[in-house]
Protein backbone atom coordinates (compact mmCIF):
# COMPACT_ATOMS: atom_id res chain seq x y z
CA UNK A 1 27.44 -50.67 -8.11
CA UNK A 2 23.89 -49.56 -7.48
CA UNK A 3 24.94 -47.81 -4.24
CA UNK A 4 27.76 -46.06 -6.08
CA UNK A 5 25.38 -44.81 -8.78
CA UNK A 6 22.89 -43.62 -6.14
CA UNK A 7 25.69 -41.83 -4.27
CA UNK A 8 26.91 -40.23 -7.51
CA UNK A 9 23.42 -39.02 -8.47
CA UNK A 10 22.84 -37.64 -4.98
CA UNK A 11 26.18 -35.77 -5.07
CA UNK A 12 25.40 -34.37 -8.54
CA UNK A 13 21.93 -33.26 -7.42
CA UNK A 14 23.38 -31.57 -4.31
CA UNK A 15 26.04 -29.80 -6.42
CA UNK A 16 23.41 -28.49 -8.84
CA UNK A 17 21.26 -27.13 -6.01
CA UNK A 18 24.10 -25.47 -4.08
CA UNK A 19 24.21 -22.21 -6.13
CA UNK A 20 20.45 -21.70 -5.74
CA UNK A 21 20.70 -22.08 -1.97
CA UNK A 22 23.05 -19.11 -1.67
CA UNK A 23 21.63 -15.75 -0.62
CA UNK A 24 20.90 -13.30 -3.40
CA UNK A 25 23.18 -10.27 -3.54
CA UNK A 26 21.73 -6.88 -2.65
CA UNK A 27 20.36 -5.07 -5.71
CA UNK A 28 21.64 -1.58 -4.89
CA UNK A 29 20.37 -0.15 -8.18
CA UNK A 30 16.81 -1.35 -7.44
CA UNK A 31 16.97 0.04 -3.91
CA UNK A 32 18.14 3.43 -5.21
CA UNK A 33 15.33 3.48 -7.82
CA UNK A 34 12.75 2.51 -5.17
CA UNK A 35 13.92 5.26 -2.78
CA UNK A 36 13.81 7.85 -5.54
CA UNK A 37 10.34 6.77 -6.72
CA UNK A 38 8.93 6.75 -3.18
CA UNK A 39 10.01 10.38 -2.65
CA UNK A 40 6.95 11.33 -4.73
CA UNK A 41 4.81 10.14 -1.81
CA UNK A 42 6.74 11.94 0.96
CA UNK A 43 3.87 14.45 1.20
CA UNK A 44 1.79 11.67 2.79
CA UNK A 45 4.12 11.03 5.73
CA UNK A 46 2.65 12.10 9.06
CA UNK A 47 -0.69 12.05 10.83
CA UNK A 48 -3.89 13.16 9.09
CA UNK A 49 -7.48 13.66 10.30
CA UNK A 50 -10.78 14.81 8.85
CA UNK A 51 -14.35 13.97 7.86
CA UNK A 52 -15.27 11.11 5.56
CA UNK A 53 -18.62 10.17 4.09
CA UNK A 54 -19.58 6.87 2.48
CA UNK A 55 -22.77 5.99 0.62
CA UNK A 56 -24.31 2.53 0.77
CA UNK A 57 -27.75 1.04 0.19
CA UNK A 58 -28.40 1.74 3.89
CA UNK A 59 -27.70 5.44 3.35
CA UNK A 60 -25.00 7.93 4.22
CA UNK A 61 -22.43 7.14 6.91
CA UNK A 62 -20.21 9.89 8.38
CA UNK A 63 -16.99 9.23 10.32
CA UNK A 64 -13.78 10.94 11.35
CA UNK A 65 -11.04 9.41 9.22
CA UNK A 66 -7.43 9.24 10.42
CA UNK A 67 -4.28 8.17 8.64
CA UNK A 68 -0.78 7.57 9.98
CA UNK A 69 1.83 7.13 7.29
CA UNK A 70 5.56 6.68 7.17
CA UNK A 71 8.47 5.24 5.30
CA UNK A 72 9.92 1.83 5.97
CA UNK A 73 12.91 -0.27 4.90
CA UNK A 74 15.13 2.73 4.35
CA UNK A 75 12.52 4.67 2.40
CA UNK A 76 11.76 1.93 -0.14
CA UNK A 77 8.18 1.43 1.14
CA UNK A 78 5.38 3.68 2.39
CA UNK A 79 3.21 2.13 5.10
CA UNK A 80 -0.30 3.49 5.78
CA UNK A 81 -2.84 2.79 8.47
CA UNK A 82 -6.31 4.20 7.94
CA UNK A 83 -8.75 4.19 10.82
CA UNK A 84 -12.18 5.79 11.05
CA UNK A 85 -14.16 6.61 14.16
CA UNK A 86 -17.94 6.59 14.45
CA UNK A 87 -19.75 9.38 16.32
CA UNK A 88 -19.80 7.22 19.49
CA UNK A 89 -15.99 6.85 19.38
CA UNK A 90 -15.95 3.24 18.21
CA UNK A 91 -13.73 2.19 15.33
CA UNK A 92 -15.79 2.00 12.17
CA UNK A 93 -13.07 0.99 9.73
CA UNK A 94 -9.41 -0.04 9.89
CA UNK A 95 -7.08 -0.72 6.97
CA UNK A 96 -3.39 -1.29 6.33
CA UNK A 97 -1.67 -0.46 3.07
CA UNK A 98 1.89 -0.75 1.80
CA UNK A 99 2.98 1.15 -1.30
CA UNK A 100 5.95 -0.27 -3.18
CA UNK A 101 7.76 0.50 -6.41
CA UNK A 102 8.84 -2.20 -8.87
CA UNK A 103 12.09 -0.84 -10.34
CA UNK A 104 12.11 -3.33 -13.23
CA UNK A 105 8.51 -2.70 -14.33
CA UNK A 106 8.71 1.00 -13.34
CA UNK A 107 5.34 0.74 -11.62
CA UNK A 108 3.83 1.43 -8.21
CA UNK A 109 1.74 -1.09 -6.29
CA UNK A 110 -0.58 -0.76 -3.32
CA UNK A 111 -1.01 -3.90 -1.25
CA UNK A 112 -3.89 -3.39 1.15
CA UNK A 113 -5.90 -5.24 3.76
CA UNK A 114 -9.33 -4.21 5.07
CA UNK A 115 -12.73 -5.70 5.87
CA UNK A 116 -11.42 -9.27 5.72
CA UNK A 117 -10.05 -8.79 2.21
CA UNK A 118 -6.65 -8.03 0.76
CA UNK A 119 -4.94 -7.63 -2.55
CA UNK A 120 -2.20 -6.07 -4.62
CA UNK A 121 -3.38 -3.29 -6.91
CA UNK A 122 -1.70 -1.10 -9.52
CA UNK A 123 -1.24 2.49 -8.39
CA UNK A 124 -0.56 5.53 -10.53
CA UNK A 125 1.29 8.36 -8.81
CA UNK A 126 0.32 11.74 -10.26
CA UNK A 127 1.70 15.25 -9.83
CA UNK A 128 -1.10 15.98 -7.35
CA UNK A 129 -1.67 12.62 -5.66
CA UNK A 130 -2.46 9.11 -6.86
CA UNK A 131 -5.08 6.77 -8.37
CA UNK A 132 -5.57 3.11 -7.53
CA UNK A 133 -8.19 0.64 -8.67
CA UNK A 134 -9.78 -2.59 -7.49
CA UNK A 135 -11.31 -4.88 -10.12
CA UNK A 136 -14.84 -5.89 -9.06
CA UNK A 137 -16.30 -8.15 -11.72
CA UNK A 138 -17.60 -6.05 -14.60
CA UNK A 139 -17.02 -2.94 -12.47
CA UNK A 140 -13.93 -1.17 -11.19
CA UNK A 141 -13.62 0.63 -7.87
CA UNK A 142 -11.40 3.67 -8.39
CA UNK A 143 -9.88 5.81 -5.64
CA UNK A 144 -8.47 9.18 -6.65
CA UNK A 145 -6.46 11.29 -4.20
CA UNK A 146 -5.31 14.88 -4.59
CA UNK A 147 -3.35 17.05 -2.20
CA UNK A 148 -3.47 20.84 -2.37
CA UNK A 149 -2.42 23.41 0.23
CA UNK A 150 -2.02 20.80 2.98
CA UNK A 151 -5.43 19.25 2.35
CA UNK A 152 -5.76 15.63 1.17
CA UNK A 153 -8.99 14.80 -0.63
CA UNK A 154 -9.76 11.26 -1.73
CA UNK A 155 -12.85 10.05 -3.54
CA UNK A 156 -14.06 6.56 -4.39
CA UNK A 157 -16.12 5.86 -7.49
CA UNK A 158 -17.81 2.79 -8.95
CA UNK A 159 -16.91 2.63 -12.65
CA UNK A 160 -19.17 0.48 -14.83
CA UNK A 161 -19.00 0.20 -18.61
CA UNK A 162 -21.38 2.58 -20.36
CA UNK A 163 -22.35 4.41 -17.15
CA UNK A 164 -21.12 7.58 -15.51
CA UNK A 165 -18.95 7.09 -12.39
CA UNK A 166 -20.99 6.69 -9.20
CA UNK A 167 -19.38 8.33 -6.15
CA UNK A 168 -19.60 6.33 -2.91
CA UNK A 169 -16.81 7.80 -0.77
CA UNK A 170 -15.26 11.19 0.00
CA UNK A 171 -12.72 12.17 2.64
CA UNK A 172 -10.99 15.48 3.27
CA UNK A 173 -8.03 15.29 5.62
CA UNK A 174 -5.74 17.87 7.17
CA UNK A 175 -2.20 17.07 8.21
CA UNK A 176 -2.11 17.34 12.03
CA UNK A 177 1.46 16.27 12.79
CA UNK A 178 4.56 14.25 12.20
CA UNK A 179 4.94 10.55 12.86
CA UNK A 180 7.95 8.29 13.20
CA UNK A 181 5.69 5.27 12.61
CA UNK A 182 6.39 2.54 11.49
CA UNK A 183 10.18 2.94 11.49
CA UNK A 184 10.65 3.91 15.13
CA UNK A 185 10.51 1.52 18.01
CA UNK A 186 11.98 -1.54 16.35
CA UNK A 187 13.50 -4.31 18.42
CA UNK A 188 17.00 -3.40 19.61
CA UNK A 189 20.08 -5.61 19.56
CA UNK A 190 20.14 -5.99 23.36
């Protein structure tokens, strides 16, 4: 009797789990909303280059900043690689970012990795660019980007309560070409 009860409970448990083990159906409405939302960032796609300046306690640091940006997963994501070069040609900074759109929440997100850190941050897409912020204790680090006449300017500011913003980063990039990254070159069937 005990074996029969154990068998019955095991069969019931397996039957209850079976629907959750099935693959989720494709959410075509979400994909369409994501593609449409990501079109607002199409201006970013391509290769960019220009000067960048950061301020730290050690002083000013100047680099040549590059960005390569493209769509991925059928246009539902924007993938960005930022890389800066020091005056001697060495890499001074390297970052990866993925912008996504949450169709249910109607919000953009930037997931980024750099300097041994990573996180998912809210992003506001504006008519002229975007704004994203990183919480940093009592402070906020805010990046504001604008694009005008083929020039992409981005600034970084420390925002502390009761104090004026303190600028620590500025870059001005010019679009220098197209890129099929990251979509091209995937593994083929054969």
